[in-house]
Amino acid sequence: MKDDLQYYTEQMRSGVVSKVYRKIIKSMQDLSRFLEAQDSNFVTWTLYQGYLDMTYFAITTPNLQSKKLKIAVVYQHDNNTISLWLAAANRKLQAQYWQFFRDHPVEGYHLSQRAPGVDAIIERDVIQLDWDQMSQIKLLLFEEVQGLISHIERRMNAST
């Protein structure tokens, strides 16, 4: 562990890790503001910076919120990927919705593994973060979030 800490300290001293981390946080904040500005029904929640494992913010609509659901826009540090997760307000609801989406799949999304600490009900990797392509990433994520919300609402309305 001492060698790991020494390596970490050297990396922090170089300035690269903190510079890139700050840029990731700013990019996620910008994505959150952009998405919320695109649709008056979108409400985003505070950015969770994480422990260098994931950074995310949640986005919801009045319809999803009434069902205690939210979409998490998640940056995964270990593979530089932005993913979309459907999540619920608590573990009990998560289990109920997991059963529902097991029986009513959403095209293009896979059912998450049920395990302690897993918050996603369904999920999909969308794109790798590329600062040179942020305009395109913003537009793609907006389309993906809209599409996921539409799929979820159709599945849930069709089953009632």
N, C-alpha and C. Protein backbone atom coordinates (compact mmCIF):
# COMPACT_ATOMS: atom_id res chain seq x y z
N MET A 1 0.82 -1.19 0.00
CA MET A 1 0.00 0.00 0.00
C MET A 1 0.87 1.26 0.00
N LYS A 2 2.02 1.18 0.65
CA LYS A 2 2.92 2.32 0.70
C LYS A 2 3.37 2.71 -0.71
N ASP A 3 3.66 1.73 -1.56
CA ASP A 3 4.07 2.01 -2.94
C ASP A 3 2.93 2.66 -3.72
N ASP A 4 1.70 2.20 -3.48
CA ASP A 4 0.53 2.79 -4.15
C ASP A 4 0.37 4.26 -3.77
N LEU A 5 0.54 4.55 -2.50
CA LEU A 5 0.40 5.92 -2.03
C LEU A 5 1.50 6.80 -2.62
N GLN A 6 2.70 6.26 -2.71
CA GLN A 6 3.81 7.01 -3.29
C GLN A 6 3.53 7.29 -4.77
N TYR A 7 3.04 6.29 -5.49
CA TYR A 7 2.71 6.47 -6.90
C TYR A 7 1.61 7.54 -7.06
N TYR A 8 0.59 7.45 -6.22
CA TYR A 8 -0.51 8.41 -6.26
C TYR A 8 0.03 9.82 -6.02
N THR A 9 0.87 9.98 -5.02
CA THR A 9 1.44 11.28 -4.68
C THR A 9 2.24 11.84 -5.86
N GLU A 10 3.02 10.99 -6.50
CA GLU A 10 3.79 11.43 -7.67
C GLU A 10 2.87 11.89 -8.79
N GLN A 11 1.80 11.15 -9.01
CA GLN A 11 0.85 11.52 -10.06
C GLN A 11 0.17 12.85 -9.73
N MET A 12 -0.18 13.05 -8.49
CA MET A 12 -0.82 14.30 -8.09
C MET A 12 0.15 15.47 -8.23
N ARG A 13 1.40 15.23 -7.88
CA ARG A 13 2.42 16.28 -8.02
C ARG A 13 2.60 16.71 -9.47
N SER A 14 2.43 15.78 -10.38
CA SER A 14 2.61 16.10 -11.80
C SER A 14 1.54 17.09 -12.28
N GLY A 15 0.41 17.11 -11.57
CA GLY A 15 -0.66 18.02 -11.92
C GLY A 15 -1.64 17.50 -12.96
N VAL A 16 -1.30 16.42 -13.62
CA VAL A 16 -2.16 15.91 -14.69
C VAL A 16 -3.48 15.38 -14.15
N VAL A 17 -3.44 14.60 -13.09
CA VAL A 17 -4.66 14.01 -12.56
C VAL A 17 -5.64 15.09 -12.12
N SER A 18 -5.17 16.06 -11.35
CA SER A 18 -6.09 17.09 -10.88
C SER A 18 -6.60 17.96 -12.02
N LYS A 19 -5.78 18.23 -13.02
CA LYS A 19 -6.19 19.02 -14.18
C LYS A 19 -7.29 18.28 -14.96
N VAL A 20 -7.08 17.01 -15.22
CA VAL A 20 -8.06 16.23 -15.97
C VAL A 20 -9.34 16.06 -15.15
N TYR A 21 -9.20 15.80 -13.87
CA TYR A 21 -10.38 15.62 -13.01
C TYR A 21 -11.24 16.89 -13.01
N ARG A 22 -10.61 18.04 -12.86
CA ARG A 22 -11.37 19.30 -12.89
C ARG A 22 -12.08 19.48 -14.23
N LYS A 23 -11.43 19.11 -15.31
CA LYS A 23 -12.04 19.23 -16.64
C LYS A 23 -13.23 18.27 -16.77
N ILE A 24 -13.11 17.07 -16.23
CA ILE A 24 -14.23 16.12 -16.25
C ILE A 24 -15.42 16.69 -15.47
N ILE A 25 -15.16 17.22 -14.29
CA ILE A 25 -16.23 17.80 -13.46
C ILE A 25 -16.90 18.95 -14.21
N LYS A 26 -16.12 19.83 -14.79
CA LYS A 26 -16.68 20.96 -15.53
C LYS A 26 -17.50 20.47 -16.72
N SER A 27 -17.00 19.47 -17.42
CA SER A 27 -17.73 18.93 -18.58
C SER A 27 -19.07 18.34 -18.17
N MET A 28 -19.09 17.63 -17.05
CA MET A 28 -20.34 17.05 -16.56
C MET A 28 -21.30 18.14 -16.10
N GLN A 29 -20.79 19.19 -15.47
CA GLN A 29 -21.65 20.31 -15.09
C GLN A 29 -22.24 20.98 -16.33
N ASP A 30 -21.42 21.16 -17.35
CA ASP A 30 -21.89 21.76 -18.60
C ASP A 30 -22.96 20.88 -19.25
N LEU A 31 -22.76 19.57 -19.25
CA LEU A 31 -23.76 18.65 -19.81
C LEU A 31 -25.08 18.76 -19.06
N SER A 32 -24.99 18.83 -17.75
CA SER A 32 -26.19 18.94 -16.92
C SER A 32 -26.97 20.22 -17.26
N ARG A 33 -26.26 21.34 -17.31
CA ARG A 33 -26.92 22.62 -17.64
C ARG A 33 -27.50 22.60 -19.05
N PHE A 34 -26.77 22.02 -19.99
CA PHE A 34 -27.24 21.95 -21.37
C PHE A 34 -28.53 21.14 -21.46
N LEU A 35 -28.54 19.96 -20.85
CA LEU A 35 -29.73 19.11 -20.93
C LEU A 35 -30.93 19.78 -20.30
N GLU A 36 -30.74 20.40 -19.15
CA GLU A 36 -31.86 21.05 -18.48
C GLU A 36 -32.41 22.20 -19.32
N ALA A 37 -31.54 22.88 -20.07
CA ALA A 37 -31.97 24.01 -20.89
C ALA A 37 -32.71 23.56 -22.16
N GLN A 38 -32.55 22.30 -22.55
CA GLN A 38 -33.13 21.83 -23.81
C GLN A 38 -34.61 21.47 -23.71
N ASP A 39 -35.07 21.15 -22.52
CA ASP A 39 -36.45 20.70 -22.37
C ASP A 39 -36.98 21.24 -21.05
N SER A 40 -38.08 21.96 -21.10
CA SER A 40 -38.61 22.57 -19.89
C SER A 40 -39.09 21.53 -18.87
N ASN A 41 -39.29 20.29 -19.31
CA ASN A 41 -39.68 19.22 -18.38
C ASN A 41 -38.50 18.60 -17.66
N PHE A 42 -37.28 18.84 -18.15
CA PHE A 42 -36.10 18.25 -17.54
C PHE A 42 -35.71 19.01 -16.28
N VAL A 43 -35.48 18.27 -15.22
CA VAL A 43 -34.94 18.82 -13.98
C VAL A 43 -33.70 18.01 -13.64
N THR A 44 -32.58 18.69 -13.48
CA THR A 44 -31.35 17.98 -13.13
C THR A 44 -31.04 18.20 -11.66
N TRP A 45 -30.34 17.23 -11.10
CA TRP A 45 -29.94 17.28 -9.69
C TRP A 45 -28.46 17.56 -9.60
N THR A 46 -28.02 17.90 -8.43
CA THR A 46 -26.64 18.26 -8.18
C THR A 46 -25.68 17.16 -8.64
N LEU A 47 -24.56 17.59 -9.17
CA LEU A 47 -23.52 16.68 -9.62
C LEU A 47 -22.89 15.97 -8.43
N TYR A 48 -22.77 14.65 -8.54
CA TYR A 48 -22.03 13.85 -7.56
C TYR A 48 -20.65 13.61 -8.17
N GLN A 49 -19.62 14.11 -7.50
CA GLN A 49 -18.28 14.03 -8.09
C GLN A 49 -17.65 12.65 -7.97
N GLY A 50 -18.00 11.91 -6.95
CA GLY A 50 -17.50 10.55 -6.80
C GLY A 50 -16.10 10.46 -6.26
N TYR A 51 -15.58 9.25 -6.29
CA TYR A 51 -14.25 8.93 -5.74
C TYR A 51 -13.32 8.47 -6.85
N LEU A 52 -13.32 9.19 -7.95
CA LEU A 52 -12.54 8.82 -9.13
C LEU A 52 -13.00 7.49 -9.72
N ASP A 53 -14.20 7.05 -9.35
CA ASP A 53 -14.78 5.86 -9.97
C ASP A 53 -15.87 6.28 -10.95
N MET A 54 -16.78 7.12 -10.48
CA MET A 54 -17.84 7.64 -11.33
C MET A 54 -18.21 9.03 -10.88
N THR A 55 -18.68 9.80 -11.84
CA THR A 55 -19.21 11.13 -11.60
C THR A 55 -20.54 11.16 -12.31
N TYR A 56 -21.59 11.66 -11.65
CA TYR A 56 -22.88 11.64 -12.32
C TYR A 56 -23.80 12.74 -11.83
N PHE A 57 -24.83 12.97 -12.63
CA PHE A 57 -25.95 13.80 -12.22
C PHE A 57 -27.21 13.07 -12.64
N ALA A 58 -28.28 13.38 -11.97
CA ALA A 58 -29.57 12.77 -12.29
C ALA A 58 -30.42 13.79 -13.03
N ILE A 59 -31.27 13.26 -13.88
CA ILE A 59 -32.22 14.09 -14.62
C ILE A 59 -33.57 13.39 -14.55
N THR A 60 -34.61 14.17 -14.38
CA THR A 60 -35.94 13.57 -14.29
C THR A 60 -36.94 14.49 -14.96
N THR A 61 -38.15 14.01 -15.08
CA THR A 61 -39.28 14.79 -15.61
C THR A 61 -40.41 14.65 -14.59
N PRO A 62 -41.43 15.47 -14.69
CA PRO A 62 -42.55 15.31 -13.75
C PRO A 62 -43.14 13.90 -13.79
N ASN A 63 -43.25 13.33 -14.98
CA ASN A 63 -43.80 11.97 -15.10
C ASN A 63 -42.91 10.94 -14.42
N LEU A 64 -41.62 10.99 -14.68
CA LEU A 64 -40.70 10.05 -14.03
C LEU A 64 -40.67 10.28 -12.52
N GLN A 65 -40.67 11.54 -12.14
CA GLN A 65 -40.61 11.88 -10.71
C GLN A 65 -41.84 11.34 -9.97
N SER A 66 -43.00 11.36 -10.64
CA SER A 66 -44.22 10.84 -10.00
C SER A 66 -44.11 9.34 -9.75
N LYS A 67 -43.24 8.66 -10.52
CA LYS A 67 -43.00 7.24 -10.35
C LYS A 67 -41.74 6.98 -9.52
N LYS A 68 -41.14 8.07 -9.02
CA LYS A 68 -39.91 8.01 -8.21
C LYS A 68 -38.75 7.39 -8.98
N LEU A 69 -38.66 7.79 -10.27
CA LEU A 69 -37.59 7.34 -11.14
C LEU A 69 -36.76 8.53 -11.60
N LYS A 70 -35.52 8.23 -11.97
CA LYS A 70 -34.63 9.25 -12.52
C LYS A 70 -33.66 8.58 -13.49
N ILE A 71 -33.12 9.39 -14.37
CA ILE A 71 -32.08 8.94 -15.28
C ILE A 71 -30.76 9.47 -14.72
N ALA A 72 -29.79 8.60 -14.56
CA ALA A 72 -28.46 9.02 -14.14
C ALA A 72 -27.57 9.09 -15.38
N VAL A 73 -26.94 10.25 -15.57
CA VAL A 73 -25.94 10.42 -16.63
C VAL A 73 -24.60 10.24 -15.93
N VAL A 74 -23.94 9.12 -16.23
CA VAL A 74 -22.80 8.66 -15.43
C VAL A 74 -21.52 8.66 -16.27
N TYR A 75 -20.52 9.34 -15.77
CA TYR A 75 -19.19 9.24 -16.37
C TYR A 75 -18.41 8.22 -15.55
N GLN A 76 -17.93 7.18 -16.23
CA GLN A 76 -17.16 6.12 -15.56
C GLN A 76 -15.68 6.35 -15.86
N HIS A 77 -14.94 6.68 -14.82
CA HIS A 77 -13.54 7.08 -14.97
C HIS A 77 -12.66 5.96 -15.51
N ASP A 78 -12.95 4.72 -15.16
CA ASP A 78 -12.04 3.63 -15.55
C ASP A 78 -12.09 3.29 -17.04
N ASN A 79 -13.15 3.72 -17.74
CA ASN A 79 -13.18 3.44 -19.18
C ASN A 79 -13.57 4.66 -20.02
N ASN A 80 -13.60 5.85 -19.39
CA ASN A 80 -13.88 7.10 -20.10
C ASN A 80 -15.21 7.05 -20.87
N THR A 81 -16.21 6.47 -20.25
CA THR A 81 -17.50 6.29 -20.91
C THR A 81 -18.60 7.02 -20.16
N ILE A 82 -19.49 7.64 -20.94
CA ILE A 82 -20.70 8.22 -20.38
C ILE A 82 -21.82 7.22 -20.63
N SER A 83 -22.52 6.86 -19.57
CA SER A 83 -23.60 5.88 -19.63
C SER A 83 -24.88 6.51 -19.13
N LEU A 84 -26.00 5.91 -19.50
CA LEU A 84 -27.29 6.28 -18.96
C LEU A 84 -27.82 5.13 -18.14
N TRP A 85 -28.27 5.42 -16.94
CA TRP A 85 -28.86 4.43 -16.05
C TRP A 85 -30.25 4.88 -15.66
N LEU A 86 -31.16 3.96 -15.59
CA LEU A 86 -32.44 4.24 -14.96
C LEU A 86 -32.30 3.84 -13.50
N ALA A 87 -32.68 4.73 -12.60
CA ALA A 87 -32.56 4.45 -11.16
C ALA A 87 -33.85 4.84 -10.46
N ALA A 88 -34.07 4.26 -9.30
CA ALA A 88 -35.27 4.53 -8.50
C ALA A 88 -34.87 5.23 -7.21
N ALA A 89 -35.88 5.75 -6.52
CA ALA A 89 -35.65 6.53 -5.30
C ALA A 89 -35.13 5.70 -4.13
N ASN A 90 -35.41 4.39 -4.13
CA ASN A 90 -34.94 3.55 -3.02
C ASN A 90 -34.81 2.11 -3.49
N ARG A 91 -34.26 1.26 -2.64
CA ARG A 91 -33.99 -0.14 -3.01
C ARG A 91 -35.27 -0.94 -3.26
N LYS A 92 -36.31 -0.67 -2.48
CA LYS A 92 -37.57 -1.40 -2.67
C LYS A 92 -38.15 -1.10 -4.05
N LEU A 93 -38.20 0.17 -4.42
CA LEU A 93 -38.69 0.54 -5.75
C LEU A 93 -37.78 0.01 -6.84
N GLN A 94 -36.48 0.06 -6.58
CA GLN A 94 -35.52 -0.45 -7.56
C GLN A 94 -35.82 -1.92 -7.87
N ALA A 95 -36.07 -2.71 -6.85
CA ALA A 95 -36.38 -4.13 -7.05
C ALA A 95 -37.68 -4.31 -7.84
N GLN A 96 -38.69 -3.50 -7.53
CA GLN A 96 -39.96 -3.59 -8.26
C GLN A 96 -39.78 -3.23 -9.72
N TYR A 97 -39.07 -2.13 -9.97
CA TYR A 97 -38.86 -1.71 -11.36
C TYR A 97 -37.93 -2.67 -12.10
N TRP A 98 -36.98 -3.26 -11.39
CA TRP A 98 -36.10 -4.25 -12.02
C TRP A 98 -36.95 -5.40 -12.55
N GLN A 99 -37.89 -5.88 -11.74
CA GLN A 99 -38.80 -6.96 -12.18
C GLN A 99 -39.61 -6.50 -13.39
N PHE A 100 -40.12 -5.27 -13.33
CA PHE A 100 -40.93 -4.74 -14.43
C PHE A 100 -40.13 -4.71 -15.72
N PHE A 101 -38.91 -4.17 -15.69
CA PHE A 101 -38.12 -4.04 -16.91
C PHE A 101 -37.48 -5.36 -17.33
N ARG A 102 -37.42 -6.32 -16.44
CA ARG A 102 -37.04 -7.67 -16.85
C ARG A 102 -38.12 -8.23 -17.76
N ASP A 103 -39.38 -7.96 -17.41
CA ASP A 103 -40.51 -8.46 -18.19
C ASP A 103 -40.89 -7.56 -19.36
N HIS A 104 -40.45 -6.31 -19.33
CA HIS A 104 -40.76 -5.32 -20.38
C HIS A 104 -39.47 -4.62 -20.79
N PRO A 105 -38.59 -5.29 -21.52
CA PRO A 105 -37.28 -4.72 -21.83
C PRO A 105 -37.38 -3.43 -22.65
N VAL A 106 -36.37 -2.59 -22.49
CA VAL A 106 -36.23 -1.38 -23.29
C VAL A 106 -35.13 -1.64 -24.31
N GLU A 107 -35.49 -1.53 -25.58
CA GLU A 107 -34.55 -1.82 -26.66
C GLU A 107 -33.28 -1.00 -26.53
N GLY A 108 -32.14 -1.67 -26.66
CA GLY A 108 -30.85 -1.00 -26.60
C GLY A 108 -30.28 -0.88 -25.19
N TYR A 109 -31.05 -1.24 -24.18
CA TYR A 109 -30.60 -1.17 -22.79
C TYR A 109 -30.57 -2.57 -22.21
N HIS A 110 -29.61 -2.82 -21.37
CA HIS A 110 -29.59 -4.14 -20.73
C HIS A 110 -29.95 -4.00 -19.25
N LEU A 111 -30.55 -5.04 -18.78
CA LEU A 111 -30.96 -5.12 -17.38
C LEU A 111 -29.70 -5.24 -16.53
N SER A 112 -29.61 -4.41 -15.51
CA SER A 112 -28.44 -4.42 -14.64
C SER A 112 -28.45 -5.65 -13.74
N GLN A 113 -27.27 -6.01 -13.29
CA GLN A 113 -27.16 -7.10 -12.33
C GLN A 113 -27.71 -6.63 -10.99
N ARG A 114 -28.46 -7.47 -10.33
CA ARG A 114 -28.95 -7.14 -8.98
C ARG A 114 -27.88 -7.55 -7.99
N ALA A 115 -27.30 -6.56 -7.36
CA ALA A 115 -26.23 -6.82 -6.38
C ALA A 115 -26.15 -5.62 -5.45
N PRO A 116 -25.63 -5.83 -4.25
CA PRO A 116 -25.47 -4.69 -3.33
C PRO A 116 -24.62 -3.59 -3.97
N GLY A 117 -25.07 -2.36 -3.82
CA GLY A 117 -24.33 -1.23 -4.36
C GLY A 117 -24.61 -0.90 -5.81
N VAL A 118 -25.38 -1.72 -6.50
CA VAL A 118 -25.73 -1.45 -7.90
C VAL A 118 -27.01 -0.64 -7.92
N ASP A 119 -26.92 0.56 -8.47
CA ASP A 119 -28.07 1.47 -8.47
C ASP A 119 -28.87 1.43 -9.75
N ALA A 120 -28.28 0.99 -10.83
CA ALA A 120 -28.96 1.00 -12.12
C ALA A 120 -29.98 -0.12 -12.21
N ILE A 121 -31.11 0.19 -12.82
CA ILE A 121 -32.12 -0.83 -13.13
C ILE A 121 -31.86 -1.34 -14.54
N ILE A 122 -31.78 -0.41 -15.49
CA ILE A 122 -31.32 -0.71 -16.84
C ILE A 122 -30.23 0.28 -17.16
N GLU A 123 -29.37 -0.05 -18.11
CA GLU A 123 -28.24 0.82 -18.40
C GLU A 123 -27.74 0.62 -19.82
N ARG A 124 -27.00 1.62 -20.27
CA ARG A 124 -26.40 1.55 -21.60
C ARG A 124 -25.24 2.52 -21.66
N ASP A 125 -24.10 2.04 -22.17
CA ASP A 125 -22.97 2.93 -22.45
C ASP A 125 -23.31 3.70 -23.71
N VAL A 126 -23.13 5.02 -23.66
CA VAL A 126 -23.55 5.85 -24.79
C VAL A 126 -22.36 6.32 -25.62
N ILE A 127 -21.36 6.90 -24.97
CA ILE A 127 -20.26 7.51 -25.74
C ILE A 127 -19.06 7.70 -24.83
N GLN A 128 -17.89 7.76 -25.45
CA GLN A 128 -16.69 8.10 -24.69
C GLN A 128 -16.55 9.62 -24.66
N LEU A 129 -16.07 10.13 -23.54
CA LEU A 129 -15.87 11.56 -23.39
C LEU A 129 -14.71 12.00 -24.28
N ASP A 130 -14.95 13.05 -25.06
CA ASP A 130 -13.93 13.60 -25.96
C ASP A 130 -14.14 15.11 -25.97
N TRP A 131 -13.21 15.84 -25.37
CA TRP A 131 -13.41 17.28 -25.24
C TRP A 131 -13.46 17.99 -26.58
N ASP A 132 -12.89 17.41 -27.60
CA ASP A 132 -12.94 18.01 -28.93
C ASP A 132 -14.31 17.82 -29.59
N GLN A 133 -15.15 16.98 -29.01
CA GLN A 133 -16.46 16.67 -29.60
C GLN A 133 -17.62 17.02 -28.67
N MET A 134 -17.42 17.96 -27.76
CA MET A 134 -18.45 18.22 -26.75
C MET A 134 -19.78 18.70 -27.33
N SER A 135 -19.76 19.46 -28.40
CA SER A 135 -21.02 19.90 -29.01
C SER A 135 -21.82 18.71 -29.49
N GLN A 136 -21.16 17.77 -30.15
CA GLN A 136 -21.84 16.56 -30.64
C GLN A 136 -22.27 15.67 -29.48
N ILE A 137 -21.44 15.57 -28.44
CA ILE A 137 -21.78 14.75 -27.28
C ILE A 137 -23.04 15.30 -26.60
N LYS A 138 -23.11 16.61 -26.45
CA LYS A 138 -24.29 17.23 -25.83
C LYS A 138 -25.56 16.87 -26.61
N LEU A 139 -25.50 17.03 -27.92
CA LEU A 139 -26.68 16.73 -28.75
C LEU A 139 -27.04 15.24 -28.70
N LEU A 140 -26.03 14.39 -28.76
CA LEU A 140 -26.27 12.95 -28.70
C LEU A 140 -26.89 12.58 -27.36
N LEU A 141 -26.37 13.10 -26.27
CA LEU A 141 -26.93 12.77 -24.96
C LEU A 141 -28.36 13.28 -24.82
N PHE A 142 -28.65 14.45 -25.36
CA PHE A 142 -30.02 14.95 -25.32
C PHE A 142 -30.95 13.98 -26.05
N GLU A 143 -30.55 13.54 -27.24
CA GLU A 143 -31.37 12.58 -27.98
C GLU A 143 -31.52 11.26 -27.22
N GLU A 144 -30.44 10.80 -26.62
CA GLU A 144 -30.46 9.54 -25.88
C GLU A 144 -31.35 9.63 -24.64
N VAL A 145 -31.25 10.74 -23.90
CA VAL A 145 -32.09 10.90 -22.71
C VAL A 145 -33.56 10.98 -23.12
N GLN A 146 -33.85 11.77 -24.14
CA GLN A 146 -35.24 11.86 -24.62
C GLN A 146 -35.74 10.48 -25.04
N GLY A 147 -34.92 9.74 -25.78
CA GLY A 147 -35.31 8.41 -26.24
C GLY A 147 -35.56 7.45 -25.09
N LEU A 148 -34.69 7.46 -24.10
CA LEU A 148 -34.86 6.58 -22.95
C LEU A 148 -36.14 6.92 -22.20
N ILE A 149 -36.37 8.20 -21.97
CA ILE A 149 -37.59 8.60 -21.26
C ILE A 149 -38.82 8.17 -22.05
N SER A 150 -38.79 8.36 -23.34
CA SER A 150 -39.92 7.96 -24.20
C SER A 150 -40.16 6.45 -24.12
N HIS A 151 -39.09 5.66 -24.21
CA HIS A 151 -39.21 4.19 -24.11
C HIS A 151 -39.79 3.79 -22.77
N ILE A 152 -39.29 4.38 -21.71
CA ILE A 152 -39.77 4.04 -20.36
C ILE A 152 -41.26 4.35 -20.23
N GLU A 153 -41.63 5.54 -20.66
CA GLU A 153 -43.04 5.94 -20.54
C GLU A 153 -43.94 5.04 -21.37
N ARG A 154 -43.51 4.69 -22.59
CA ARG A 154 -44.32 3.78 -23.43
C ARG A 154 -44.47 2.42 -22.77
N ARG A 155 -43.37 1.87 -22.25
CA ARG A 155 -43.42 0.55 -21.59
C ARG A 155 -44.38 0.59 -20.39
N MET A 156 -44.25 1.64 -19.61
CA MET A 156 -45.07 1.71 -18.40
C MET A 156 -46.54 1.99 -18.74
N ASN A 157 -46.81 2.80 -19.72
CA ASN A 157 -48.20 3.09 -20.12
C ASN A 157 -48.84 1.88 -20.78
N ALA A 158 -48.06 1.10 -21.52
CA ALA A 158 -48.60 -0.08 -22.20
C ALA A 158 -48.99 -1.18 -21.21
N SER A 159 -48.35 -1.16 -20.06
CA SER A 159 -48.62 -2.23 -19.08
C SER A 159 -49.76 -1.89 -18.13
N THR A 160 -50.26 -0.67 -18.19
CA THR A 160 -51.34 -0.30 -17.26
C THR A 160 -52.70 -0.39 -17.91
